[in-house]
Amino acid sequence: MLALVAYHCRHINAHLARARSLGTRHEDCMREWQRLVRYALTDARAHNHLLVGTIAACLQRQDVDPGLLHRCLQSPP
């Protein structure tokens, strides 16, 4: 489980770093910069959702109280 968490964290960081670095490479074309940043942020968001699900599954396997888990995830029981 921890290896999967680390995997998602690496990908989230890579996508965010790519989004940050795109500004210097596409200064001349704002539309292209916006398009590429949106892709990078969407990819980071997808891995973030997978990361949260992975951590939730890990906690669930460790018998964390379901009510507490729902509150932490801000989801209905």
N, C-alpha and C. Protein backbone atom coordinates (compact mmCIF):
# COMPACT_ATOMS: atom_id res chain seq x y z
N MET A 1 0.82 -1.20 0.00
CA MET A 1 0.00 0.00 0.00
C MET A 1 0.86 1.26 0.00
N LEU A 2 1.91 1.26 0.82
CA LEU A 2 2.75 2.45 0.90
C LEU A 2 3.45 2.74 -0.42
N ALA A 3 3.80 1.69 -1.14
CA ALA A 3 4.43 1.88 -2.45
C ALA A 3 3.46 2.56 -3.41
N LEU A 4 2.18 2.20 -3.32
CA LEU A 4 1.17 2.81 -4.19
C LEU A 4 0.95 4.28 -3.81
N VAL A 5 0.97 4.58 -2.54
CA VAL A 5 0.85 5.97 -2.09
C VAL A 5 2.03 6.79 -2.63
N ALA A 6 3.23 6.24 -2.50
CA ALA A 6 4.42 6.93 -3.01
C ALA A 6 4.34 7.13 -4.52
N TYR A 7 3.84 6.14 -5.23
CA TYR A 7 3.67 6.22 -6.69
C TYR A 7 2.77 7.40 -7.06
N HIS A 8 1.61 7.49 -6.42
CA HIS A 8 0.68 8.58 -6.72
C HIS A 8 1.27 9.94 -6.34
N CYS A 9 1.98 10.00 -5.22
CA CYS A 9 2.61 11.26 -4.81
C CYS A 9 3.65 11.71 -5.84
N ARG A 10 4.45 10.79 -6.35
CA ARG A 10 5.45 11.14 -7.37
C ARG A 10 4.77 11.69 -8.62
N HIS A 11 3.69 11.05 -9.04
CA HIS A 11 3.00 11.52 -10.25
C HIS A 11 2.32 12.87 -10.03
N ILE A 12 1.72 13.06 -8.87
CA ILE A 12 1.10 14.36 -8.57
C ILE A 12 2.16 15.45 -8.63
N ASN A 13 3.28 15.22 -7.97
CA ASN A 13 4.36 16.21 -7.96
C ASN A 13 4.90 16.47 -9.36
N ALA A 14 5.03 15.43 -10.16
CA ALA A 14 5.54 15.59 -11.53
C ALA A 14 4.58 16.43 -12.37
N HIS A 15 3.29 16.18 -12.25
CA HIS A 15 2.31 16.95 -13.03
C HIS A 15 2.27 18.41 -12.57
N LEU A 16 2.36 18.64 -11.27
CA LEU A 16 2.36 20.02 -10.78
C LEU A 16 3.64 20.75 -11.19
N ALA A 17 4.77 20.05 -11.17
CA ALA A 17 6.02 20.67 -11.61
C ALA A 17 5.96 21.00 -13.10
N ARG A 18 5.33 20.12 -13.87
CA ARG A 18 5.18 20.38 -15.31
C ARG A 18 4.30 21.61 -15.52
N ALA A 19 3.20 21.71 -14.78
CA ALA A 19 2.31 22.87 -14.90
C ALA A 19 3.07 24.15 -14.57
N ARG A 20 3.89 24.11 -13.53
CA ARG A 20 4.67 25.29 -13.12
C ARG A 20 5.70 25.67 -14.18
N SER A 21 6.34 24.69 -14.78
CA SER A 21 7.41 24.98 -15.74
C SER A 21 6.91 25.40 -17.12
N LEU A 22 5.67 25.15 -17.41
CA LEU A 22 5.15 25.48 -18.74
C LEU A 22 5.14 26.98 -19.02
N GLY A 23 5.08 27.79 -17.99
CA GLY A 23 5.05 29.23 -18.18
C GLY A 23 6.30 29.76 -18.87
N THR A 24 7.43 29.18 -18.58
CA THR A 24 8.67 29.66 -19.19
C THR A 24 8.84 29.16 -20.61
N ARG A 25 8.21 28.04 -20.93
CA ARG A 25 8.38 27.48 -22.27
C ARG A 25 7.36 28.01 -23.28
N HIS A 26 6.27 28.59 -22.80
CA HIS A 26 5.21 29.04 -23.71
C HIS A 26 4.81 30.48 -23.44
N GLU A 27 5.78 31.32 -23.17
CA GLU A 27 5.50 32.73 -22.89
C GLU A 27 4.87 33.44 -24.07
N ASP A 28 5.19 33.00 -25.27
CA ASP A 28 4.73 33.68 -26.48
C ASP A 28 3.31 33.29 -26.88
N CYS A 29 2.79 32.20 -26.35
CA CYS A 29 1.47 31.74 -26.77
C CYS A 29 0.63 31.39 -25.53
N MET A 30 -0.14 32.35 -25.06
CA MET A 30 -0.94 32.17 -23.86
C MET A 30 -1.96 31.04 -24.00
N ARG A 31 -2.58 30.92 -25.15
CA ARG A 31 -3.60 29.89 -25.36
C ARG A 31 -2.99 28.48 -25.22
N GLU A 32 -1.82 28.28 -25.79
CA GLU A 32 -1.14 26.99 -25.69
C GLU A 32 -0.73 26.71 -24.25
N TRP A 33 -0.23 27.74 -23.57
CA TRP A 33 0.14 27.59 -22.16
C TRP A 33 -1.06 27.17 -21.33
N GLN A 34 -2.19 27.84 -21.54
CA GLN A 34 -3.40 27.51 -20.78
C GLN A 34 -3.85 26.08 -21.04
N ARG A 35 -3.79 25.68 -22.29
CA ARG A 35 -4.22 24.32 -22.65
C ARG A 35 -3.34 23.28 -21.97
N LEU A 36 -2.04 23.45 -22.02
CA LEU A 36 -1.12 22.48 -21.44
C LEU A 36 -1.19 22.47 -19.91
N VAL A 37 -1.38 23.64 -19.31
CA VAL A 37 -1.52 23.69 -17.85
C VAL A 37 -2.79 22.97 -17.42
N ARG A 38 -3.87 23.15 -18.16
CA ARG A 38 -5.11 22.45 -17.82
C ARG A 38 -4.91 20.94 -17.86
N TYR A 39 -4.22 20.44 -18.86
CA TYR A 39 -3.94 19.00 -18.93
C TYR A 39 -3.12 18.54 -17.73
N ALA A 40 -2.07 19.29 -17.40
CA ALA A 40 -1.21 18.89 -16.28
C ALA A 40 -1.99 18.90 -14.97
N LEU A 41 -2.83 19.91 -14.76
CA LEU A 41 -3.60 19.99 -13.52
C LEU A 41 -4.67 18.90 -13.46
N THR A 42 -5.26 18.58 -14.60
CA THR A 42 -6.25 17.50 -14.64
C THR A 42 -5.60 16.17 -14.30
N ASP A 43 -4.40 15.94 -14.83
CA ASP A 43 -3.68 14.70 -14.52
C ASP A 43 -3.31 14.64 -13.04
N ALA A 44 -2.87 15.76 -12.48
CA ALA A 44 -2.53 15.80 -11.05
C ALA A 44 -3.77 15.53 -10.21
N ARG A 45 -4.88 16.09 -10.61
CA ARG A 45 -6.14 15.89 -9.87
C ARG A 45 -6.57 14.44 -9.90
N ALA A 46 -6.43 13.79 -11.04
CA ALA A 46 -6.81 12.37 -11.16
C ALA A 46 -5.96 11.52 -10.21
N HIS A 47 -4.66 11.78 -10.18
CA HIS A 47 -3.81 11.01 -9.26
C HIS A 47 -4.12 11.35 -7.81
N ASN A 48 -4.53 12.57 -7.54
CA ASN A 48 -4.90 12.93 -6.18
C ASN A 48 -6.11 12.13 -5.72
N HIS A 49 -7.09 11.97 -6.61
CA HIS A 49 -8.27 11.16 -6.26
C HIS A 49 -7.87 9.70 -6.01
N LEU A 50 -6.97 9.18 -6.83
CA LEU A 50 -6.49 7.82 -6.64
C LEU A 50 -5.72 7.69 -5.33
N LEU A 51 -4.95 8.71 -4.99
CA LEU A 51 -4.20 8.71 -3.74
C LEU A 51 -5.15 8.68 -2.54
N VAL A 52 -6.17 9.51 -2.57
CA VAL A 52 -7.14 9.54 -1.46
C VAL A 52 -7.84 8.19 -1.34
N GLY A 53 -8.21 7.60 -2.47
CA GLY A 53 -8.85 6.29 -2.43
C GLY A 53 -7.94 5.21 -1.89
N THR A 54 -6.67 5.28 -2.25
CA THR A 54 -5.70 4.30 -1.76
C THR A 54 -5.52 4.42 -0.25
N ILE A 55 -5.39 5.64 0.23
CA ILE A 55 -5.23 5.85 1.68
C ILE A 55 -6.50 5.42 2.41
N ALA A 56 -7.66 5.73 1.86
CA ALA A 56 -8.91 5.33 2.49
C ALA A 56 -9.02 3.80 2.55
N ALA A 57 -8.62 3.12 1.49
CA ALA A 57 -8.66 1.66 1.49
C ALA A 57 -7.70 1.09 2.54
N CYS A 58 -6.54 1.71 2.66
CA CYS A 58 -5.56 1.27 3.66
C CYS A 58 -6.13 1.44 5.07
N LEU A 59 -6.75 2.57 5.34
CA LEU A 59 -7.35 2.81 6.65
C LEU A 59 -8.51 1.86 6.90
N GLN A 60 -9.27 1.58 5.87
CA GLN A 60 -10.39 0.67 6.00
C GLN A 60 -9.90 -0.74 6.36
N ARG A 61 -8.81 -1.16 5.73
CA ARG A 61 -8.23 -2.47 6.03
C ARG A 61 -7.67 -2.53 7.44
N GLN A 62 -7.35 -1.37 8.00
CA GLN A 62 -6.83 -1.31 9.38
C GLN A 62 -7.96 -1.13 10.39
N ASP A 63 -9.19 -1.32 9.94
CA ASP A 63 -10.38 -1.27 10.79
C ASP A 63 -10.61 0.07 11.46
N VAL A 64 -10.31 1.16 10.73
CA VAL A 64 -10.65 2.49 11.22
C VAL A 64 -12.18 2.60 11.22
N ASP A 65 -12.71 3.25 12.22
CA ASP A 65 -14.16 3.41 12.35
C ASP A 65 -14.74 3.97 11.05
N PRO A 66 -15.74 3.29 10.46
CA PRO A 66 -16.32 3.75 9.20
C PRO A 66 -16.88 5.18 9.27
N GLY A 67 -17.49 5.55 10.40
CA GLY A 67 -18.01 6.90 10.55
C GLY A 67 -16.90 7.95 10.50
N LEU A 68 -15.78 7.64 11.15
CA LEU A 68 -14.64 8.55 11.14
C LEU A 68 -14.07 8.67 9.72
N LEU A 69 -13.99 7.56 9.03
CA LEU A 69 -13.49 7.57 7.66
C LEU A 69 -14.39 8.41 6.76
N HIS A 70 -15.69 8.28 6.91
CA HIS A 70 -16.63 9.09 6.11
C HIS A 70 -16.48 10.58 6.41
N ARG A 71 -16.31 10.90 7.68
CA ARG A 71 -16.13 12.31 8.05
C ARG A 71 -14.83 12.86 7.46
N CYS A 72 -13.76 12.08 7.53
CA CYS A 72 -12.48 12.53 6.97
C CYS A 72 -12.56 12.71 5.46
N LEU A 73 -13.29 11.84 4.81
CA LEU A 73 -13.44 11.93 3.35
C LEU A 73 -14.55 12.90 2.94
N GLN A 74 -15.27 13.40 3.94
CA GLN A 74 -16.41 14.29 3.70
C GLN A 74 -17.40 13.66 2.72
N SER A 75 -17.72 12.41 3.00
CA SER A 75 -18.67 11.68 2.15
C SER A 75 -19.79 11.14 3.03
N PRO A 76 -20.96 10.95 2.44
CA PRO A 76 -22.06 10.42 3.24
C PRO A 76 -21.82 8.95 3.59
N PRO A 77 -22.33 8.53 4.75
CA PRO A 77 -22.16 7.12 5.16
C PRO A 77 -22.94 6.16 4.30
